[in-house]
Amino acid sequence: MPLPTADTVWPPTDPIVQSALADWDAWYSAEPDRLEQRYENRVHQDPAHTRPAQYRGGVQGRIARWFWGNPTPPGEKRSKLHIPLAGDIARTSSGLLFSEPPKLIVDHEGTQKHLDAMAKTLHPTLLEAGELAAALGGSYFRVVWDDEISDRPWIDTVAADRAVPEFRYGRLRAVTFWTVLDSGDVNDRRVFRHLEKHEKGRIYHGLYEGSLTALGAVRPLQDHPATAPLAEMVDKDGGLNTGAPDHLTASYMPNVRPARGWRHIPSAASWGQSDFQGIEGLMDALDETWSSWMRDIQDGKGRIIVADTLLQSNGPGQGATWDEERRVYSGLNMLPRAGDPNPITHIQFAIRVKEHAETCTAIVGEAARQAGYSASTFGDHGDGQAVTATEVKAKERRSLVTKGRKELYADPALADIVAAQLAVEMGFRFRVSGLELSDPPRVEFQDSISEGMGELATTAELLRRAEAASTETLVRLTHPDWDDDQVDEEAAKINGESGRNLADPAMTGAENQSELRGDIITT
């Protein structure tokens, strides 16, 4: 049986990989509570000292010296603030790759129309997968179906920390997705997990009852409402045929390779590298700088110190207060004599705006550069004046190079999963007619920075002068969003209008030259 039959540690991923994925997930979540819990829990708390681990060596000392590794002293309000730079990086990566849906191209006309219609529903999935890949080093696509939702299969995405892949020579050959199911009782320590393993032509389902760190024992699929519908679909081995025996109904899209920290871990050598790898310290420093800035604002609030003689007694044992709205005080023994210090002292600390702003800008720029992006991608683009696409591309060159690199890994993953979906649709399970598939579809990624009409018109004019492009090519250049029928119709109109202004092809041109010469002589 492909799925585990006995209790085992879960997930069966190398602890180093699990720790890194948990760190990146905490940064990606943008939740201060999760960050604080993630880093503080690594440090053994000594009740006699506030931060004893900072003076230790090794991992504990290193983590404790982080801003998020410093515990908030008991009784004090947490003053740590978080800037969600990690989420911004992941979202930017996804936008560069999939801001416009890639074109899926096949030679069969009916299949091409089917892919064009499918691209609209696939686009949100691609944006989600691109963001997860940037955050966790990779994401998975899988073909799923549910008769109660749709009569056709569709493509879903799964995060890298919810999958156990099996690679062979860098290629995905099988993968097990797992989901923690609700046990139903808040105080119940039991954990139900649903395992779903994809192999070529087969998908296996299993239900397990265990603990937070152990898979536990196998349970019938009927034992949980989430997996009960699958009980009637699987065979005695817990699997079902997909109808596409030559296709794996899952694919892996690595963010970039290689993952520098995992090269020597056999089980993770083929995994992708997160955009956060190596910049966790910079993101921690950004939060520390921002929190310091906000602390300056709090400390910069105007405060006053008044002499005891200005306080009004509230009675024995009730202390004394000062009424800031009181305008007149009696000149008896309450007020100080001439030459005494000022009874009211005003305190106003400086707010170091420039220093903090410049530090934050430098940290964001360095973090962006280390992640493979241009600093301008995450900063101010100027004074609001319009810039051309050429100028934008010059500023964003590093980001566009990273985009091109990621496309190389996204291309085969997307082509494989689309081919698998088409194969499942044409198989015995759905028997969709009018489709044909010989090779995986070709994937064409779109440019995330589009030229304006002025730039396109200038380019078309230069190509026309050089006689380097046909009318059809120029129409496609200036109207990239048009389909073939629109392009053909517009090209025919342009050629027709141009033809009416051409000279009669029966005339040689000598007549005009003679008339011109005669006009000159006459003049």
Protein backbone atom coordinates (compact mmCIF):
# COMPACT_ATOMS: atom_id res chain seq x y z
CA MET A 1 0.00 0.00 0.00
CA PRO A 2 1.56 3.34 -1.02
CA LEU A 3 0.31 5.14 2.10
CA PRO A 4 1.85 4.40 5.53
CA THR A 5 0.35 1.44 7.36
CA ALA A 6 1.98 2.01 10.76
CA ASP A 7 2.55 4.90 13.12
CA THR A 8 5.39 7.21 12.11
CA VAL A 9 6.73 10.69 12.86
CA TRP A 10 4.80 13.29 10.91
CA PRO A 11 5.63 15.13 8.84
CA PRO A 12 8.56 12.94 7.77
CA THR A 13 10.56 15.97 6.68
CA ASP A 14 14.09 16.78 7.84
CA PRO A 15 13.93 18.89 11.05
CA ILE A 16 16.11 21.60 9.49
CA VAL A 17 13.64 21.98 6.63
CA GLN A 18 10.66 21.96 9.00
CA SER A 19 12.22 24.68 11.14
CA ALA A 20 12.96 26.89 8.13
CA LEU A 21 9.44 26.46 6.74
CA ALA A 22 7.96 27.37 10.12
CA ASP A 23 10.11 30.52 10.28
CA TRP A 24 9.11 31.64 6.79
CA ASP A 25 5.47 30.89 7.51
CA ALA A 26 5.62 33.10 10.61
CA TRP A 27 7.14 35.98 8.64
CA TYR A 28 4.67 35.49 5.80
CA SER A 29 1.68 35.50 8.18
CA ALA A 30 2.46 39.11 9.22
CA GLU A 31 1.15 38.31 12.71
CA PRO A 32 3.31 39.65 15.58
CA ASP A 33 1.93 37.02 17.96
CA ARG A 34 3.15 34.20 15.73
CA LEU A 35 6.57 35.80 15.28
CA GLU A 36 6.98 36.35 19.00
CA GLN A 37 5.85 32.82 19.79
CA ARG A 38 8.07 31.33 17.10
CA TYR A 39 11.29 32.95 18.33
CA GLU A 40 10.63 33.14 22.05
CA ASN A 41 9.77 29.45 22.29
CA ARG A 42 13.27 28.54 21.13
CA VAL A 43 14.81 30.19 24.17
CA HIS A 44 14.74 28.57 27.61
CA GLN A 45 13.24 31.13 30.00
CA ASP A 46 15.04 31.69 33.27
CA PRO A 47 12.61 33.23 35.80
CA ALA A 48 15.47 34.94 37.63
CA HIS A 49 16.54 36.97 34.58
CA THR A 50 14.71 38.76 31.82
CA ARG A 51 16.93 37.73 28.90
CA PRO A 52 19.48 35.18 30.14
CA ALA A 53 19.75 33.38 26.81
CA GLN A 54 21.32 36.41 25.16
CA TYR A 55 24.58 35.61 26.93
CA ARG A 56 24.64 32.01 25.79
CA GLY A 57 26.34 30.66 22.73
CA GLY A 58 24.98 28.49 19.97
CA VAL A 59 21.49 28.64 18.52
CA GLN A 60 19.77 29.82 21.72
CA GLY A 61 22.06 32.79 22.14
CA ARG A 62 21.79 33.76 18.49
CA ILE A 63 18.00 33.60 18.45
CA ALA A 64 17.67 35.45 21.77
CA ARG A 65 19.68 38.37 20.39
CA TRP A 66 17.08 38.84 17.67
CA PHE A 67 14.50 41.56 18.19
CA TRP A 68 11.66 39.03 18.12
CA GLY A 69 13.63 36.69 20.38
CA ASN A 70 13.52 39.17 23.26
CA PRO A 71 10.57 38.33 25.53
CA THR A 72 8.36 41.13 26.76
CA PRO A 73 8.97 41.54 30.52
CA PRO A 74 6.00 40.47 32.67
CA GLY A 75 3.58 43.28 33.36
CA GLU A 76 4.77 45.45 30.47
CA LYS A 77 2.85 46.24 27.32
CA ARG A 78 4.38 44.85 24.13
CA SER A 79 5.94 47.69 22.14
CA LYS A 80 7.12 45.61 19.17
CA LEU A 81 5.69 46.59 15.80
CA HIS A 82 5.84 44.55 12.63
CA ILE A 83 6.26 45.72 9.03
CA PRO A 84 4.95 42.97 6.68
CA LEU A 85 7.89 43.16 4.26
CA ALA A 86 7.82 39.38 3.76
CA GLY A 87 4.25 39.45 2.50
CA ASP A 88 5.10 42.38 0.24
CA ILE A 89 7.99 40.42 -1.30
CA ALA A 90 5.84 37.34 -1.88
CA ARG A 91 3.00 39.36 -3.39
CA THR A 92 5.42 41.26 -5.65
CA SER A 93 6.96 38.02 -6.89
CA SER A 94 3.54 36.64 -7.75
CA GLY A 95 2.58 39.87 -9.48
CA LEU A 96 5.71 39.87 -11.64
CA LEU A 97 5.01 36.30 -12.75
CA PHE A 98 1.24 36.18 -13.05
CA SER A 99 -0.13 39.74 -13.08
CA GLU A 100 -1.43 38.73 -16.50
CA PRO A 101 -2.42 35.09 -17.12
CA PRO A 102 0.10 33.19 -19.25
CA LYS A 103 -1.04 31.96 -22.64
CA LEU A 104 -1.49 28.21 -23.04
CA ILE A 105 -1.00 27.24 -26.69
CA VAL A 106 -1.79 23.98 -28.47
CA ASP A 107 -2.22 23.13 -32.16
CA HIS A 108 -5.73 21.68 -31.90
CA GLU A 109 -8.43 24.35 -32.36
CA GLY A 110 -11.03 22.81 -30.04
CA THR A 111 -8.48 22.25 -27.28
CA GLN A 112 -7.20 25.80 -27.70
CA LYS A 113 -10.68 27.25 -27.15
CA HIS A 114 -11.03 25.07 -24.05
CA LEU A 115 -7.70 26.35 -22.68
CA ASP A 116 -8.63 29.97 -23.38
CA ALA A 117 -11.82 29.55 -21.36
CA MET A 118 -9.96 27.72 -18.59
CA ALA A 119 -7.34 30.50 -18.27
CA LYS A 120 -9.85 32.86 -16.63
CA THR A 121 -10.52 30.51 -13.72
CA LEU A 122 -6.88 29.41 -13.52
CA HIS A 123 -5.52 32.93 -13.07
CA PRO A 124 -6.39 33.34 -9.34
CA THR A 125 -4.86 29.93 -8.62
CA LEU A 126 -1.64 30.98 -10.31
CA LEU A 127 -1.45 34.19 -8.28
CA GLU A 128 -1.91 32.20 -5.07
CA ALA A 129 0.66 29.59 -6.09
CA GLY A 130 3.19 32.26 -7.02
CA GLU A 131 2.86 33.94 -3.64
CA LEU A 132 3.19 30.66 -1.73
CA ALA A 133 6.20 29.65 -3.81
CA ALA A 134 8.02 32.89 -3.06
CA ALA A 135 7.30 32.54 0.67
CA LEU A 136 7.94 28.82 1.20
CA GLY A 137 10.31 27.97 -1.63
CA GLY A 138 7.75 26.24 -3.84
CA SER A 139 4.13 25.30 -4.31
CA TYR A 140 2.22 22.40 -5.81
CA PHE A 141 -0.52 22.12 -8.39
CA ARG A 142 -2.97 19.23 -8.32
CA VAL A 143 -5.98 18.18 -10.37
CA VAL A 144 -9.12 17.83 -8.23
CA TRP A 145 -12.80 17.19 -8.87
CA ASP A 146 -16.04 17.06 -6.95
CA ASP A 147 -19.34 16.20 -8.62
CA GLU A 148 -21.26 18.33 -6.13
CA ILE A 149 -19.27 21.43 -7.13
CA SER A 150 -18.57 21.03 -10.84
CA ASP A 151 -18.94 18.52 -13.65
CA ARG A 152 -15.34 19.19 -14.72
CA PRO A 153 -12.02 18.86 -12.86
CA TRP A 154 -10.01 21.94 -11.99
CA ILE A 155 -6.51 22.85 -10.75
CA ASP A 156 -5.84 23.56 -7.09
CA THR A 157 -2.67 24.73 -5.31
CA VAL A 158 -1.06 23.40 -2.12
CA ALA A 159 1.63 25.06 0.00
CA ALA A 160 5.04 23.42 0.32
CA ASP A 161 4.66 22.85 4.07
CA ARG A 162 1.63 20.58 3.47
CA ALA A 163 3.30 18.14 1.10
CA VAL A 164 5.81 15.30 1.23
CA PRO A 165 7.35 15.00 -2.25
CA GLU A 166 9.30 12.17 -3.85
CA PHE A 167 11.84 13.31 -6.44
CA ARG A 168 13.94 11.35 -8.88
CA TYR A 169 16.78 13.21 -10.57
CA GLY A 170 15.11 16.49 -9.73
CA ARG A 171 11.74 15.46 -11.23
CA LEU A 172 8.61 14.91 -9.16
CA ARG A 173 7.47 11.29 -9.35
CA ALA A 174 4.96 11.22 -6.46
CA VAL A 175 3.72 13.49 -3.70
CA THR A 176 1.63 13.08 -0.56
CA PHE A 177 -0.54 16.01 0.52
CA TRP A 178 -1.76 16.08 4.09
CA THR A 179 -4.44 18.05 5.88
CA VAL A 180 -5.12 18.29 9.62
CA LEU A 181 -8.83 17.72 10.16
CA ASP A 182 -10.89 19.18 13.01
CA SER A 183 -11.18 16.66 15.85
CA GLY A 184 -14.44 18.22 17.04
CA ASP A 185 -13.49 18.55 20.74
CA VAL A 186 -11.36 21.53 21.78
CA ASN A 187 -9.88 19.63 24.72
CA ASP A 188 -9.31 16.49 22.67
CA ARG A 189 -5.60 15.81 22.11
CA ARG A 190 -6.27 13.56 19.14
CA VAL A 191 -5.34 14.78 15.66
CA PHE A 192 -7.01 13.43 12.53
CA ARG A 193 -5.06 13.71 9.29
CA HIS A 194 -6.16 13.12 5.74
CA LEU A 195 -3.36 11.91 3.44
CA GLU A 196 -3.73 12.14 -0.32
CA LYS A 197 -0.98 10.59 -2.42
CA HIS A 198 -0.66 11.23 -6.15
CA GLU A 199 1.10 8.74 -8.40
CA LYS A 200 0.89 8.29 -12.14
CA GLY A 201 -2.69 7.36 -12.92
CA ARG A 202 -3.64 6.82 -9.25
CA ILE A 203 -4.63 8.83 -6.18
CA TYR A 204 -4.66 7.20 -2.72
CA HIS A 205 -6.62 8.48 0.28
CA GLY A 206 -6.11 7.61 3.94
CA LEU A 207 -7.37 8.75 7.34
CA TYR A 208 -5.12 8.61 10.41
CA GLU A 209 -5.65 9.32 14.09
CA GLY A 210 -2.53 10.40 15.95
CA SER A 211 -0.95 13.31 17.82
CA LEU A 212 0.71 16.59 16.92
CA THR A 213 3.97 14.85 16.04
CA ALA A 214 2.87 11.30 15.16
CA LEU A 215 0.74 10.05 12.29
CA GLY A 216 -0.98 7.46 14.43
CA ALA A 217 -3.15 4.53 13.39
CA VAL A 218 -5.10 4.04 10.16
CA ARG A 219 -8.81 4.67 10.45
CA PRO A 220 -11.62 3.97 7.97
CA LEU A 221 -12.45 6.95 5.77
CA GLN A 222 -16.01 6.82 7.12
CA ASP A 223 -14.80 7.81 10.60
CA HIS A 224 -14.58 11.50 9.70
CA PRO A 225 -17.16 13.61 7.83
CA ALA A 226 -14.49 15.24 5.66
CA THR A 227 -13.33 11.90 4.21
CA ALA A 228 -16.57 9.92 4.35
CA PRO A 229 -17.56 10.72 0.72
CA LEU A 230 -14.25 9.23 -0.46
CA ALA A 231 -15.05 5.83 1.05
CA GLU A 232 -17.36 4.96 -1.83
CA MET A 233 -14.86 6.10 -4.47
CA VAL A 234 -11.71 4.21 -3.50
CA ASP A 235 -10.96 0.54 -4.02
CA LYS A 236 -9.73 -1.98 -1.47
CA ASP A 237 -6.23 -0.45 -1.58
CA GLY A 238 -7.59 2.99 -0.77
CA GLY A 239 -6.90 4.33 -4.26
CA LEU A 240 -8.78 5.35 -7.37
CA ASN A 241 -7.84 5.58 -11.02
CA THR A 242 -7.67 9.06 -12.50
CA GLY A 243 -8.39 8.01 -16.08
CA ALA A 244 -4.98 9.38 -17.15
CA PRO A 245 -2.52 6.50 -16.64
CA ASP A 246 0.39 8.36 -18.25
CA HIS A 247 0.07 11.55 -16.22
CA LEU A 248 0.85 12.52 -12.65
CA THR A 249 -2.06 14.63 -11.43
CA ALA A 250 0.28 16.90 -9.45
CA SER A 251 3.27 19.09 -10.29
CA TYR A 252 5.81 21.09 -8.32
CA MET A 253 6.71 24.71 -9.04
CA PRO A 254 9.94 25.61 -7.24
CA ASN A 255 10.54 29.27 -6.56
CA VAL A 256 14.19 29.16 -7.60
CA ARG A 257 16.88 26.53 -7.34
CA PRO A 258 19.12 25.52 -5.72
CA ALA A 259 18.09 25.97 -2.11
CA ARG A 260 21.42 27.00 -0.65
CA GLY A 261 20.69 25.80 2.88
CA TRP A 262 19.43 22.35 1.84
CA ARG A 263 21.89 21.21 -0.82
CA HIS A 264 23.34 18.54 1.45
CA ILE A 265 19.97 17.22 2.70
CA PRO A 266 19.06 14.35 0.32
CA SER A 267 15.31 14.55 0.95
CA ALA A 268 15.23 18.31 0.27
CA ALA A 269 17.95 18.80 -2.35
CA SER A 270 15.34 19.24 -5.12
CA TRP A 271 13.19 21.69 -3.17
CA GLY A 272 13.11 25.37 -4.08
CA GLN A 273 14.54 28.31 -2.19
CA SER A 274 12.35 30.91 -0.51
CA ASP A 275 12.77 34.61 -1.20
CA PHE A 276 13.07 35.00 2.58
CA GLN A 277 16.08 32.73 2.90
CA GLY A 278 18.98 34.76 4.28
CA ILE A 279 17.04 38.00 4.89
CA GLU A 280 15.27 37.02 8.10
CA GLY A 281 17.79 39.10 10.07
CA LEU A 282 17.12 42.15 7.88
CA MET A 283 13.37 41.81 8.35
CA ASP A 284 13.95 41.50 12.10
CA ALA A 285 16.13 44.63 12.04
CA LEU A 286 13.43 46.51 10.10
CA ASP A 287 10.88 45.71 12.80
CA GLU A 288 13.34 46.82 15.48
CA THR A 289 14.02 50.10 13.67
CA TRP A 290 10.35 50.80 13.12
CA SER A 291 9.55 50.02 16.76
CA SER A 292 12.33 52.37 17.84
CA TRP A 293 10.85 55.09 15.65
CA MET A 294 7.44 54.65 17.22
CA ARG A 295 9.05 54.64 20.66
CA ASP A 296 10.63 58.02 19.84
CA ILE A 297 7.17 59.34 18.99
CA GLN A 298 5.79 58.07 22.29
CA ASP A 299 8.73 59.51 24.24
CA GLY A 300 8.42 62.77 22.30
CA LYS A 301 5.03 63.54 23.73
CA GLY A 302 5.25 66.74 25.75
CA ARG A 303 5.40 66.21 29.51
CA ILE A 304 5.61 68.60 32.44
CA ILE A 305 7.05 68.34 35.95
CA VAL A 306 5.45 70.53 38.63
CA ALA A 307 6.70 71.42 42.08
CA ASP A 308 5.06 69.94 45.16
CA THR A 309 3.77 73.39 46.06
CA LEU A 310 1.45 73.31 43.02
CA LEU A 311 -0.16 70.03 43.97
CA GLN A 312 -3.54 69.96 45.70
CA SER A 313 -3.91 67.53 48.56
CA ASN A 314 -6.72 65.01 48.23
CA GLY A 315 -6.81 64.37 51.94
CA PRO A 316 -4.90 62.15 54.33
CA GLY A 317 -3.70 59.04 52.57
CA GLN A 318 -5.29 60.09 49.24
CA GLY A 319 -2.24 61.63 47.61
CA ALA A 320 -2.13 64.90 45.71
CA THR A 321 -3.08 66.02 42.18
CA TRP A 322 -2.44 68.97 39.92
CA ASP A 323 -5.24 70.72 38.07
CA GLU A 324 -3.82 71.78 34.71
CA GLU A 325 -6.93 73.91 34.01
CA ARG A 326 -6.50 76.05 37.14
CA ARG A 327 -5.59 79.66 36.25
CA VAL A 328 -4.97 81.39 39.60
CA TYR A 329 -2.95 80.24 42.60
CA SER A 330 -2.81 81.95 45.98
CA GLY A 331 0.39 83.80 46.82
CA LEU A 332 0.69 82.38 50.31
CA ASN A 333 3.24 79.81 51.41
CA MET A 334 2.12 77.51 48.57
CA LEU A 335 4.18 79.26 45.88
CA PRO A 336 7.98 79.37 45.80
CA ARG A 337 9.90 82.51 46.71
CA ALA A 338 11.85 84.61 44.25
CA GLY A 339 15.00 82.89 43.04
CA ASP A 340 13.61 79.37 43.47
CA PRO A 341 13.66 77.01 40.45
CA ASN A 342 10.81 77.17 37.94
CA PRO A 343 7.89 75.29 39.52
CA ILE A 344 6.75 74.00 36.10
CA THR A 345 9.29 72.24 33.87
CA HIS A 346 8.45 71.21 30.30
CA ILE A 347 10.18 68.13 28.82
CA GLN A 348 10.15 67.44 25.06
CA PHE A 349 12.42 64.71 23.61
CA ALA A 350 13.58 64.83 20.00
CA ILE A 351 11.96 62.52 17.42
CA ARG A 352 14.69 61.22 15.11
CA VAL A 353 12.58 61.04 11.97
CA LYS A 354 15.35 61.38 9.38
CA GLU A 355 17.65 58.83 10.99
CA HIS A 356 14.93 56.19 11.34
CA ALA A 357 13.53 56.80 7.85
CA GLU A 358 16.95 56.48 6.21
CA THR A 359 17.70 53.32 8.18
CA CYS A 360 14.39 51.73 7.18
CA THR A 361 14.97 52.64 3.52
CA ALA A 362 18.46 51.12 3.61
CA ILE A 363 17.25 47.90 5.23
CA VAL A 364 14.36 47.49 2.77
CA GLY A 365 16.68 48.13 -0.17
CA GLU A 366 19.24 45.58 1.00
CA ALA A 367 16.55 42.99 1.78
CA ALA A 368 15.05 43.48 -1.69
CA ARG A 369 18.47 43.13 -3.31
CA GLN A 370 19.26 39.95 -1.42
CA ALA A 371 15.87 38.52 -2.42
CA GLY A 372 16.65 39.26 -6.08
CA TYR A 373 14.67 42.45 -6.66
CA SER A 374 15.43 46.06 -7.45
CA ALA A 375 15.12 48.46 -4.52
CA SER A 376 12.77 50.66 -6.57
CA THR A 377 10.31 47.76 -6.71
CA PHE A 378 9.52 48.36 -3.03
CA GLY A 379 10.23 52.09 -2.82
CA ASP A 380 9.03 55.42 -4.10
CA HIS A 381 9.10 55.72 -7.88
CA GLY A 382 9.61 59.46 -7.98
CA ASP A 383 7.51 62.60 -7.84
CA GLY A 384 4.49 61.17 -9.61
CA GLN A 385 5.58 62.08 -13.13
CA ALA A 386 4.76 59.61 -15.88
CA VAL A 387 7.64 57.39 -17.00
CA THR A 388 7.92 55.17 -20.03
CA ALA A 389 8.04 51.39 -19.94
CA THR A 390 11.67 51.54 -21.06
CA GLU A 391 12.59 53.69 -18.07
CA VAL A 392 10.70 51.39 -15.72
CA LYS A 393 12.47 48.34 -17.13
CA ALA A 394 15.84 50.03 -16.66
CA LYS A 395 15.07 50.69 -12.99
CA GLU A 396 13.53 47.28 -12.45
CA ARG A 397 16.18 45.27 -14.31
CA ARG A 398 17.14 43.11 -11.33
CA SER A 399 13.48 42.30 -10.61
CA LEU A 400 12.83 41.43 -14.25
CA VAL A 401 15.87 39.16 -14.34
CA THR A 402 14.52 37.33 -11.27
CA LYS A 403 11.11 37.12 -12.96
CA GLY A 404 12.69 35.51 -16.03
CA ARG A 405 14.52 33.01 -13.86
CA LYS A 406 11.35 32.01 -12.04
CA GLU A 407 9.53 31.57 -15.35
CA LEU A 408 11.97 28.78 -16.23
CA TYR A 409 10.72 26.77 -13.24
CA ALA A 410 7.05 27.71 -13.54
CA ASP A 411 6.86 26.77 -17.23
CA PRO A 412 7.20 22.94 -16.93
CA ALA A 413 5.09 22.79 -13.76
CA LEU A 414 2.23 24.65 -15.41
CA ALA A 415 2.50 22.73 -18.69
CA ASP A 416 2.48 19.37 -16.89
CA ILE A 417 -0.53 20.10 -14.70
CA VAL A 418 -2.58 21.50 -17.60
CA ALA A 419 -1.74 18.42 -19.65
CA ALA A 420 -2.79 16.23 -16.71
CA GLN A 421 -6.11 18.06 -16.42
CA LEU A 422 -6.81 17.63 -20.13
CA ALA A 423 -5.92 13.94 -19.88
CA VAL A 424 -8.29 13.46 -16.93
CA GLU A 425 -11.06 15.27 -18.80
CA MET A 426 -10.58 13.03 -21.85
CA GLY A 427 -10.29 9.85 -19.74
CA PHE A 428 -12.97 7.37 -18.79
CA ARG A 429 -14.01 9.37 -15.73
CA PHE A 430 -15.30 12.44 -17.61
CA ARG A 431 -15.09 11.57 -21.34
CA VAL A 432 -15.08 15.19 -22.52
CA SER A 433 -15.28 15.24 -26.33
CA GLY A 434 -13.69 17.69 -28.74
CA LEU A 435 -10.29 17.68 -27.00
CA GLU A 436 -6.98 16.41 -28.28
CA LEU A 437 -3.58 16.28 -26.61
CA SER A 438 -0.35 14.98 -28.07
CA ASP A 439 2.21 17.14 -26.25
CA PRO A 440 1.99 19.39 -23.18
CA PRO A 441 0.79 22.90 -24.04
CA ARG A 442 3.30 25.64 -24.67
CA VAL A 443 3.36 28.36 -22.02
CA GLU A 444 3.97 32.00 -22.91
CA PHE A 445 4.38 34.36 -19.97
CA GLN A 446 3.21 37.92 -20.42
CA ASP A 447 5.20 41.08 -19.82
CA SER A 448 4.28 42.58 -16.46
CA ILE A 449 5.30 46.06 -17.71
CA SER A 450 3.32 47.16 -20.75
CA GLU A 451 4.38 49.90 -23.15
CA GLY A 452 2.09 52.87 -23.61
CA MET A 453 0.35 53.63 -26.89
CA GLY A 454 2.88 56.34 -27.68
CA GLU A 455 5.82 53.97 -27.39
CA LEU A 456 4.04 51.29 -29.41
CA ALA A 457 3.15 53.78 -32.14
CA THR A 458 6.75 54.99 -32.35
CA THR A 459 8.04 51.42 -32.62
CA ALA A 460 5.47 50.59 -35.31
CA GLU A 461 6.41 53.70 -37.29
CA LEU A 462 10.12 52.82 -37.22
CA LEU A 463 9.41 49.24 -38.32
CA ARG A 464 7.20 50.51 -41.15
CA ARG A 465 9.90 52.86 -42.36
CA ALA A 466 12.47 50.09 -42.30
CA GLU A 467 10.03 47.76 -44.09
CA ALA A 468 10.82 45.22 -41.38
CA ALA A 469 7.27 44.20 -40.44
CA SER A 470 3.99 43.48 -42.18
CA THR A 471 0.74 45.32 -41.46
CA GLU A 472 -0.54 42.31 -39.51
CA THR A 473 2.58 42.27 -37.33
CA LEU A 474 2.26 46.00 -36.62
CA VAL A 475 -1.39 45.63 -35.66
CA ARG A 476 -0.51 42.82 -33.24
CA LEU A 477 2.26 44.98 -31.80
CA THR A 478 0.01 47.95 -31.07
CA HIS A 479 -2.98 45.84 -29.96
CA PRO A 480 -1.56 42.84 -28.06
CA ASP A 481 -4.95 42.09 -26.48
CA TRP A 482 -6.74 41.53 -29.81
CA ASP A 483 -7.59 38.09 -31.15
CA ASP A 484 -6.82 36.83 -34.68
CA ASP A 485 -10.14 37.95 -36.18
CA GLN A 486 -9.76 41.51 -34.88
CA VAL A 487 -6.17 41.69 -36.12
CA ASP A 488 -7.09 40.41 -39.59
CA GLU A 489 -10.00 42.82 -39.90
CA GLU A 490 -7.92 45.82 -38.86
CA ALA A 491 -5.02 44.86 -41.15
CA ALA A 492 -7.43 44.56 -44.09
CA LYS A 493 -8.86 48.02 -43.35
CA ILE A 494 -5.39 49.57 -43.17
CA ASN A 495 -4.28 47.95 -46.42
CA GLY A 496 -7.51 49.05 -48.11
CA GLU A 497 -7.19 52.65 -46.98
CA SER A 498 -3.53 52.77 -47.99
CA GLY A 499 -4.33 51.27 -51.38
CA ARG A 500 -6.69 54.15 -52.27
CA ASN A 501 -3.85 56.62 -51.91
CA LEU A 502 -1.46 54.70 -54.12
CA ALA A 503 -0.79 55.76 -57.74
CA ASP A 504 -2.42 53.89 -60.62
CA PRO A 505 -0.25 50.77 -61.17
CA ALA A 506 -0.83 51.13 -64.95
CA MET A 507 1.09 54.38 -65.03
CA THR A 508 4.84 54.33 -65.19
CA GLY A 509 5.43 57.62 -63.45
CA ALA A 510 7.05 59.28 -66.43
CA GLU A 511 3.91 61.34 -67.06
CA ASN A 512 4.17 63.03 -63.69
CA GLN A 513 7.85 63.70 -64.24
CA SER A 514 7.13 65.36 -67.61
CA GLU A 515 4.42 67.55 -66.16
CA LEU A 516 6.68 68.47 -63.28
CA ARG A 517 9.49 69.43 -65.64
CA GLY A 518 7.07 71.44 -67.77
CA ASP A 519 5.83 73.30 -64.74
CA ILE A 520 9.34 74.15 -63.78
CA ILE A 521 10.24 75.40 -67.27
CA THR A 522 7.05 77.40 -67.52
CA THR A 523 7.67 79.00 -64.19
